[in-house]
Amino acid sequence: MAHHFLGKHHNKAGGGGGEAPKVTDWRKEEKHHKHMEQLAQLGAVAAGAYAMHEKHKAKKDPDHGHSHKIKEGVAAAVAVGSAGFAFHEHHEKKDAKKHRRNGHHH
């Protein structure tokens, strides 16, 4: 099973020679992507809540408002990134489900 990371492929087996192609367990792959999607959604919600918390702190604590605004911006960026990753994993899960239903074995 190949994993994608910044456009590069890394094989889990790590071997380079003439190994037999590994048969993919699409049900397991689907469950993995579902789990990753749920974790990403949780991260997005948590980061969004923290961003809202920092926005509130910036209003309540004007002496340190700039610091709170920076933390709010970072948390908002993390929330957007996490939501994007959840979206990506959702589509990976759909692809695995399609492969499983169509009987693809690699």
Protein backbone atom coordinates (compact mmCIF):
# COMPACT_ATOMS: atom_id res chain seq x y z
CA MET A 1 0.00 0.00 0.00
CA ALA A 2 1.49 3.33 -1.03
CA HIS A 3 0.98 6.44 1.06
CA HIS A 4 1.08 9.93 -0.39
CA PHE A 5 3.05 12.65 1.32
CA LEU A 6 3.69 15.94 -0.43
CA GLY A 7 3.38 14.32 -3.82
CA LYS A 8 5.80 11.47 -3.17
CA HIS A 9 5.01 7.77 -2.89
CA HIS A 10 6.45 5.69 -0.08
CA ASN A 11 5.88 1.95 -0.03
CA LYS A 12 5.36 0.39 3.38
CA ALA A 13 7.29 -2.74 2.43
CA GLY A 14 10.31 -0.62 1.56
CA GLY A 15 11.80 -3.28 -0.72
CA GLY A 16 12.89 -2.38 -4.17
CA GLY A 17 13.22 -5.60 -6.13
CA GLY A 18 10.81 -7.89 -7.90
CA GLU A 19 8.41 -8.47 -5.04
CA ALA A 20 4.93 -9.76 -5.71
CA PRO A 21 2.30 -6.98 -5.65
CA LYS A 22 0.58 -6.74 -2.29
CA VAL A 23 -3.17 -7.36 -2.21
CA THR A 24 -4.98 -4.45 -0.58
CA ASP A 25 -7.65 -5.04 2.05
CA TRP A 26 -10.10 -2.35 0.90
CA ARG A 27 -12.35 -2.78 3.93
CA LYS A 28 -9.41 -2.06 6.23
CA GLU A 29 -8.35 0.85 4.01
CA GLU A 30 -11.88 2.29 4.15
CA LYS A 31 -11.96 2.03 7.96
CA HIS A 32 -8.54 3.71 8.19
CA HIS A 33 -9.67 6.68 6.10
CA LYS A 34 -12.93 6.93 8.07
CA HIS A 35 -10.95 7.08 11.31
CA MET A 36 -8.57 9.71 9.93
CA GLU A 37 -11.54 11.76 8.65
CA GLN A 38 -13.15 11.69 12.10
CA LEU A 39 -9.89 12.73 13.79
CA ALA A 40 -9.47 15.59 11.33
CA GLN A 41 -13.04 16.74 11.96
CA LEU A 42 -12.40 16.69 15.69
CA GLY A 43 -9.22 18.70 15.17
CA ALA A 44 -11.08 21.25 13.08
CA VAL A 45 -13.76 21.69 15.74
CA ALA A 46 -11.20 21.96 18.56
CA ALA A 47 -9.04 24.48 16.69
CA GLY A 48 -12.12 26.50 15.73
CA ALA A 49 -13.27 26.58 19.35
CA TYR A 50 -9.81 27.71 20.46
CA ALA A 51 -9.83 30.46 17.80
CA MET A 52 -13.17 31.69 19.13
CA HIS A 53 -11.82 31.58 22.68
CA GLU A 54 -8.81 33.69 21.69
CA LYS A 55 -11.06 36.15 19.85
CA HIS A 56 -13.07 36.57 23.05
CA LYS A 57 -9.85 36.99 25.09
CA ALA A 58 -8.64 39.70 22.70
CA LYS A 59 -11.77 41.73 23.43
CA LYS A 60 -11.62 41.17 27.18
CA ASP A 61 -7.86 41.76 27.56
CA PRO A 62 -6.87 44.73 25.38
CA ASP A 63 -3.41 44.93 27.02
CA HIS A 64 -2.50 41.59 25.41
CA GLY A 65 -4.87 41.88 22.46
CA HIS A 66 -2.17 41.51 19.81
CA SER A 67 -0.98 38.22 21.28
CA HIS A 68 -4.54 36.90 21.38
CA LYS A 69 -5.14 37.99 17.77
CA ILE A 70 -2.04 36.09 16.63
CA LYS A 71 -3.15 32.96 18.51
CA GLU A 72 -6.62 33.34 17.02
CA GLY A 73 -5.19 33.53 13.51
CA VAL A 74 -2.98 30.48 14.00
CA ALA A 75 -5.88 28.48 15.45
CA ALA A 76 -8.12 29.52 12.56
CA ALA A 77 -5.48 28.40 10.05
CA VAL A 78 -5.16 25.05 11.83
CA ALA A 79 -8.96 24.66 11.76
CA VAL A 80 -9.06 25.31 8.00
CA GLY A 81 -6.16 22.92 7.37
CA SER A 82 -7.75 20.22 9.47
CA ALA A 83 -11.08 20.64 7.69
CA GLY A 84 -9.27 20.33 4.36
CA PHE A 85 -7.60 17.13 5.51
CA ALA A 86 -10.99 15.77 6.63
CA PHE A 87 -12.34 16.55 3.15
CA HIS A 88 -9.38 14.74 1.57
CA GLU A 89 -9.85 11.69 3.81
CA HIS A 90 -13.57 11.63 3.02
CA HIS A 91 -12.74 11.23 -0.67
CA GLU A 92 -10.07 8.61 0.05
CA LYS A 93 -12.68 6.69 2.04
CA LYS A 94 -15.14 6.90 -0.87
CA ASP A 95 -12.47 5.59 -3.27
CA ALA A 96 -11.66 2.66 -0.96
CA LYS A 97 -15.37 1.87 -0.67
CA LYS A 98 -15.72 1.96 -4.46
CA HIS A 99 -12.73 -0.39 -4.87
CA ARG A 100 -14.14 -2.74 -2.24
CA ARG A 101 -17.56 -2.89 -3.90
CA ASN A 102 -16.13 -3.39 -7.39
CA GLY A 103 -13.86 -6.21 -6.27
CA HIS A 104 -10.48 -4.59 -7.03
CA HIS A 105 -7.67 -6.48 -5.38
CA HIS A 106 -4.71 -4.07 -5.67
